[in-house]
Amino acid sequence: MDRESLVNELKVFLEDFLRSRNLDLVDLIHRYEGRDLVLRILLDKPEGGISIGECAGLNREISDLLDEKSILQEKYILEVSSPGLDRPLETEKDFLRCLDKKVKFFLNELINGKLEWDGTIAGVNSGIVYINTQAGAMEVPLARINKAKRII
């Protein structure tokens, strides 16, 4: 099985497993570090805040399931962790998780003459992020956001 097919199979498998535990798959990284295959899984709760203990328990569960299903045909190192508070916000789900939180936006097109804005997320709907800034309320299409990070 080629790498892309394997990663897709892993994502489908993990998303089903995680959905039943009310968890979100933030990212799946499958790469070689030296001779070792490392499978790095970043998880979060819909409302944010997964603990180290939860990650450790999930590491054991996911490892057992992967071994049982024989999805990976070679030895691997599994790392399950939180994406961290300062992770980039990319999807509607990411922005919804940060409702009423202060965020720094880096845009790929000027809005009101600026490429950078700080503001509080007021809402997200149909590809639009609603932001309250010092200059007033703004609507920013997701497609115009180059990068966004929560201000901690």
C-alpha atoms as a PDB file:
ATOM      1  CA  MET A   1       0.000   0.000   0.000  1.00  0.00           C
ATOM      2  CA  ASP A   2       1.411   3.414  -0.900  1.00  0.00           C
ATOM      3  CA  ARG A   3       1.996   6.074   1.764  1.00  0.00           C
ATOM      4  CA  GLU A   4      -0.964   8.286   0.768  1.00  0.00           C
ATOM      5  CA  SER A   5      -3.413   5.356   0.859  1.00  0.00           C
ATOM      6  CA  LEU A   6      -2.029   4.253   4.215  1.00  0.00           C
ATOM      7  CA  VAL A   7      -2.392   7.748   5.725  1.00  0.00           C
ATOM      8  CA  ASN A   8      -5.967   7.998   4.402  1.00  0.00           C
ATOM      9  CA  GLU A   9      -6.824   4.592   5.868  1.00  0.00           C
ATOM     10  CA  LEU A  10      -5.315   5.631   9.204  1.00  0.00           C
ATOM     11  CA  LYS A  11      -7.310   8.882   9.218  1.00  0.00           C
ATOM     12  CA  VAL A  12     -10.604   7.113   8.508  1.00  0.00           C
ATOM     13  CA  PHE A  13      -9.870   4.503  11.168  1.00  0.00           C
ATOM     14  CA  LEU A  14      -8.835   7.112  13.752  1.00  0.00           C
ATOM     15  CA  GLU A  15     -11.701   9.513  13.043  1.00  0.00           C
ATOM     16  CA  ASP A  16     -14.239   6.731  13.644  1.00  0.00           C
ATOM     17  CA  PHE A  17     -12.484   5.673  16.851  1.00  0.00           C
ATOM     18  CA  LEU A  18     -12.126   9.263  18.111  1.00  0.00           C
ATOM     19  CA  ARG A  19     -15.677  10.328  17.205  1.00  0.00           C
ATOM     20  CA  SER A  20     -16.988   7.640  19.575  1.00  0.00           C
ATOM     21  CA  ARG A  21     -14.950   9.323  22.344  1.00  0.00           C
ATOM     22  CA  ASN A  22     -15.980  12.880  21.404  1.00  0.00           C
ATOM     23  CA  LEU A  23     -12.462  13.784  20.277  1.00  0.00           C
ATOM     24  CA  ASP A  24     -11.172  15.548  17.158  1.00  0.00           C
ATOM     25  CA  LEU A  25      -8.244  14.439  15.013  1.00  0.00           C
ATOM     26  CA  VAL A  26      -6.297  17.665  14.516  1.00  0.00           C
ATOM     27  CA  ASP A  27      -3.394  16.211  12.560  1.00  0.00           C
ATOM     28  CA  LEU A  28      -1.790  12.908  11.636  1.00  0.00           C
ATOM     29  CA  ILE A  29       1.900  12.879  10.797  1.00  0.00           C
ATOM     30  CA  HIS A  30       3.409   9.717   9.311  1.00  0.00           C
ATOM     31  CA  ARG A  31       7.125  10.034   8.633  1.00  0.00           C
ATOM     32  CA  TYR A  32      10.493   8.433   9.062  1.00  0.00           C
ATOM     33  CA  GLU A  33      12.927   9.910  11.541  1.00  0.00           C
ATOM     34  CA  GLY A  34      16.163   8.139  10.793  1.00  0.00           C
ATOM     35  CA  ARG A  35      15.244   4.465  10.505  1.00  0.00           C
ATOM     36  CA  ASP A  36      12.184   4.780  12.740  1.00  0.00           C
ATOM     37  CA  LEU A  37       8.633   5.188  11.481  1.00  0.00           C
ATOM     38  CA  VAL A  38       6.925   7.775  13.686  1.00  0.00           C
ATOM     39  CA  LEU A  39       3.162   8.106  13.769  1.00  0.00           C
ATOM     40  CA  ARG A  40       2.318  11.397  15.501  1.00  0.00           C
ATOM     41  CA  ILE A  41      -1.369  11.959  16.290  1.00  0.00           C
ATOM     42  CA  LEU A  42      -2.578  15.364  17.505  1.00  0.00           C
ATOM     43  CA  LEU A  43      -5.950  15.263  19.263  1.00  0.00           C
ATOM     44  CA  ASP A  44      -8.261  17.716  20.978  1.00  0.00           C
ATOM     45  CA  LYS A  45     -11.729  17.911  22.440  1.00  0.00           C
ATOM     46  CA  PRO A  46     -14.346  19.962  20.586  1.00  0.00           C
ATOM     47  CA  GLU A  47     -14.289  22.467  23.444  1.00  0.00           C
ATOM     48  CA  GLY A  48     -10.486  22.223  23.739  1.00  0.00           C
ATOM     49  CA  GLY A  49      -8.217  21.017  26.516  1.00  0.00           C
ATOM     50  CA  ILE A  50      -7.095  17.392  26.378  1.00  0.00           C
ATOM     51  CA  SER A  51      -4.882  16.311  29.282  1.00  0.00           C
ATOM     52  CA  ILE A  52      -1.563  14.464  29.301  1.00  0.00           C
ATOM     53  CA  GLY A  53      -3.219  11.574  31.119  1.00  0.00           C
ATOM     54  CA  GLU A  54      -5.900  11.303  28.444  1.00  0.00           C
ATOM     55  CA  CYS A  55      -3.214  11.308  25.736  1.00  0.00           C
ATOM     56  CA  ALA A  56      -1.305   8.539  27.512  1.00  0.00           C
ATOM     57  CA  GLY A  57      -4.436   6.386  27.796  1.00  0.00           C
ATOM     58  CA  LEU A  58      -5.333   7.010  24.158  1.00  0.00           C
ATOM     59  CA  ASN A  59      -1.776   6.137  23.126  1.00  0.00           C
ATOM     60  CA  ARG A  60      -2.201   2.671  24.655  1.00  0.00           C
ATOM     61  CA  GLU A  61      -5.685   2.189  23.171  1.00  0.00           C
ATOM     62  CA  ILE A  62      -4.709   3.333  19.671  1.00  0.00           C
ATOM     63  CA  SER A  63      -1.521   1.253  19.722  1.00  0.00           C
ATOM     64  CA  ASP A  64      -3.491  -1.863  20.684  1.00  0.00           C
ATOM     65  CA  LEU A  65      -6.082  -1.206  17.958  1.00  0.00           C
ATOM     66  CA  LEU A  66      -3.461  -0.564  15.282  1.00  0.00           C
ATOM     67  CA  ASP A  67      -1.687  -3.785  16.212  1.00  0.00           C
ATOM     68  CA  GLU A  68      -4.963  -5.734  16.284  1.00  0.00           C
ATOM     69  CA  LYS A  69      -6.053  -4.446  12.848  1.00  0.00           C
ATOM     70  CA  SER A  70      -2.524  -4.801  11.398  1.00  0.00           C
ATOM     71  CA  ILE A  71      -2.837  -1.474   9.589  1.00  0.00           C
ATOM     72  CA  LEU A  72       0.883  -0.766   9.876  1.00  0.00           C
ATOM     73  CA  GLN A  73       3.022  -3.606   8.593  1.00  0.00           C
ATOM     74  CA  GLU A  74       6.230  -2.414  10.215  1.00  0.00           C
ATOM     75  CA  LYS A  75       7.476  -1.395  13.633  1.00  0.00           C
ATOM     76  CA  TYR A  76       6.511   2.165  14.572  1.00  0.00           C
ATOM     77  CA  ILE A  77       6.733   4.742  17.333  1.00  0.00           C
ATOM     78  CA  LEU A  78       3.335   6.174  18.303  1.00  0.00           C
ATOM     79  CA  GLU A  79       3.026   9.652  19.810  1.00  0.00           C
ATOM     80  CA  VAL A  80      -0.390  10.952  20.888  1.00  0.00           C
ATOM     81  CA  SER A  81      -0.490  14.553  22.061  1.00  0.00           C
ATOM     82  CA  SER A  82      -2.373  17.813  22.237  1.00  0.00           C
ATOM     83  CA  PRO A  83      -1.786  20.355  19.468  1.00  0.00           C
ATOM     84  CA  GLY A  84      -1.173  23.012  22.140  1.00  0.00           C
ATOM     85  CA  LEU A  85      -2.978  26.244  22.922  1.00  0.00           C
ATOM     86  CA  ASP A  86      -1.107  28.259  20.311  1.00  0.00           C
ATOM     87  CA  ARG A  87      -1.796  25.964  17.376  1.00  0.00           C
ATOM     88  CA  PRO A  88      -2.772  27.617  14.087  1.00  0.00           C
ATOM     89  CA  LEU A  89      -6.493  28.013  13.477  1.00  0.00           C
ATOM     90  CA  GLU A  90      -7.477  26.787  10.011  1.00  0.00           C
ATOM     91  CA  THR A  91     -10.955  25.295   9.871  1.00  0.00           C
ATOM     92  CA  GLU A  92     -14.390  26.499  10.934  1.00  0.00           C
ATOM     93  CA  LYS A  93     -14.190  23.978  13.758  1.00  0.00           C
ATOM     94  CA  ASP A  94     -10.901  25.535  14.952  1.00  0.00           C
ATOM     95  CA  PHE A  95     -12.443  29.008  15.013  1.00  0.00           C
ATOM     96  CA  LEU A  96     -15.619  27.779  16.730  1.00  0.00           C
ATOM     97  CA  ARG A  97     -13.443  26.268  19.450  1.00  0.00           C
ATOM     98  CA  CYS A  98     -12.088  29.782  20.059  1.00  0.00           C
ATOM     99  CA  LEU A  99     -15.385  31.669  20.304  1.00  0.00           C
ATOM    100  CA  ASP A 100     -15.060  34.710  22.581  1.00  0.00           C
ATOM    101  CA  LYS A 101     -11.265  34.325  22.557  1.00  0.00           C
ATOM    102  CA  LYS A 102      -8.750  36.880  21.319  1.00  0.00           C
ATOM    103  CA  VAL A 103      -7.029  35.916  18.062  1.00  0.00           C
ATOM    104  CA  LYS A 104      -4.359  37.428  15.801  1.00  0.00           C
ATOM    105  CA  PHE A 105      -5.175  37.199  12.094  1.00  0.00           C
ATOM    106  CA  PHE A 106      -2.687  37.404   9.222  1.00  0.00           C
ATOM    107  CA  LEU A 107      -4.541  37.913   5.960  1.00  0.00           C
ATOM    108  CA  ASN A 108      -3.539  37.224   2.369  1.00  0.00           C
ATOM    109  CA  GLU A 109      -5.451  40.315   1.154  1.00  0.00           C
ATOM    110  CA  LEU A 110      -5.962  43.725   2.701  1.00  0.00           C
ATOM    111  CA  ILE A 111      -9.137  44.291   4.658  1.00  0.00           C
ATOM    112  CA  ASN A 112      -9.734  47.917   5.598  1.00  0.00           C
ATOM    113  CA  GLY A 113      -6.145  48.656   4.565  1.00  0.00           C
ATOM    114  CA  LYS A 114      -4.467  46.102   6.859  1.00  0.00           C
ATOM    115  CA  LEU A 115      -3.072  42.568   6.603  1.00  0.00           C
ATOM    116  CA  GLU A 116      -2.932  41.964  10.386  1.00  0.00           C
ATOM    117  CA  TRP A 117      -5.842  42.204  12.791  1.00  0.00           C
ATOM    118  CA  ASP A 118      -6.376  41.335  16.451  1.00  0.00           C
ATOM    119  CA  GLY A 119      -9.883  40.612  17.585  1.00  0.00           C
ATOM    120  CA  THR A 120     -12.294  38.444  19.491  1.00  0.00           C
ATOM    121  CA  ILE A 121     -14.121  35.754  17.553  1.00  0.00           C
ATOM    122  CA  ALA A 122     -17.839  36.493  17.727  1.00  0.00           C
ATOM    123  CA  GLY A 123     -18.993  33.696  15.431  1.00  0.00           C
ATOM    124  CA  VAL A 124     -18.312  31.471  12.450  1.00  0.00           C
ATOM    125  CA  ASN A 125     -20.783  30.555   9.736  1.00  0.00           C
ATOM    126  CA  SER A 126     -20.585  29.377   6.110  1.00  0.00           C
ATOM    127  CA  GLY A 127     -16.882  30.130   5.684  1.00  0.00           C
ATOM    128  CA  ILE A 128     -17.022  33.556   7.363  1.00  0.00           C
ATOM    129  CA  VAL A 129     -15.330  34.420  10.672  1.00  0.00           C
ATOM    130  CA  TYR A 130     -17.023  37.266  12.556  1.00  0.00           C
ATOM    131  CA  ILE A 131     -14.535  39.294  14.570  1.00  0.00           C
ATOM    132  CA  ASN A 132     -14.886  42.154  17.023  1.00  0.00           C
ATOM    133  CA  THR A 133     -11.857  44.439  16.727  1.00  0.00           C
ATOM    134  CA  GLN A 134     -11.009  47.826  18.213  1.00  0.00           C
ATOM    135  CA  ALA A 135     -12.039  49.291  14.850  1.00  0.00           C
ATOM    136  CA  GLY A 136     -15.440  47.544  15.018  1.00  0.00           C
ATOM    137  CA  ALA A 137     -17.070  44.348  13.826  1.00  0.00           C
ATOM    138  CA  MET A 138     -15.589  42.601  10.772  1.00  0.00           C
ATOM    139  CA  GLU A 139     -16.479  39.664   8.552  1.00  0.00           C
ATOM    140  CA  VAL A 140     -13.460  37.766   7.244  1.00  0.00           C
ATOM    141  CA  PRO A 141     -13.812  34.894   4.758  1.00  0.00           C
ATOM    142  CA  LEU A 142     -11.737  31.846   5.738  1.00  0.00           C
ATOM    143  CA  ALA A 143     -10.165  31.943   2.276  1.00  0.00           C
ATOM    144  CA  ARG A 144      -8.625  35.353   3.066  1.00  0.00           C
ATOM    145  CA  ILE A 145      -6.981  34.154   6.298  1.00  0.00           C
ATOM    146  CA  ASN A 146      -3.362  33.195   5.706  1.00  0.00           C
ATOM    147  CA  LYS A 147      -2.721  32.334   9.343  1.00  0.00           C
ATOM    148  CA  ALA A 148      -4.534  32.815  12.648  1.00  0.00           C
ATOM    149  CA  LYS A 149      -3.422  32.071  16.205  1.00  0.00           C
ATOM    150  CA  ARG A 150      -5.049  32.476  19.543  1.00  0.00           C
ATOM    151  CA  ILE A 151      -3.500  35.230  21.674  1.00  0.00           C
ATOM    152  CA  ILE A 152      -2.542  33.704  25.007  1.00  0.00           C
END
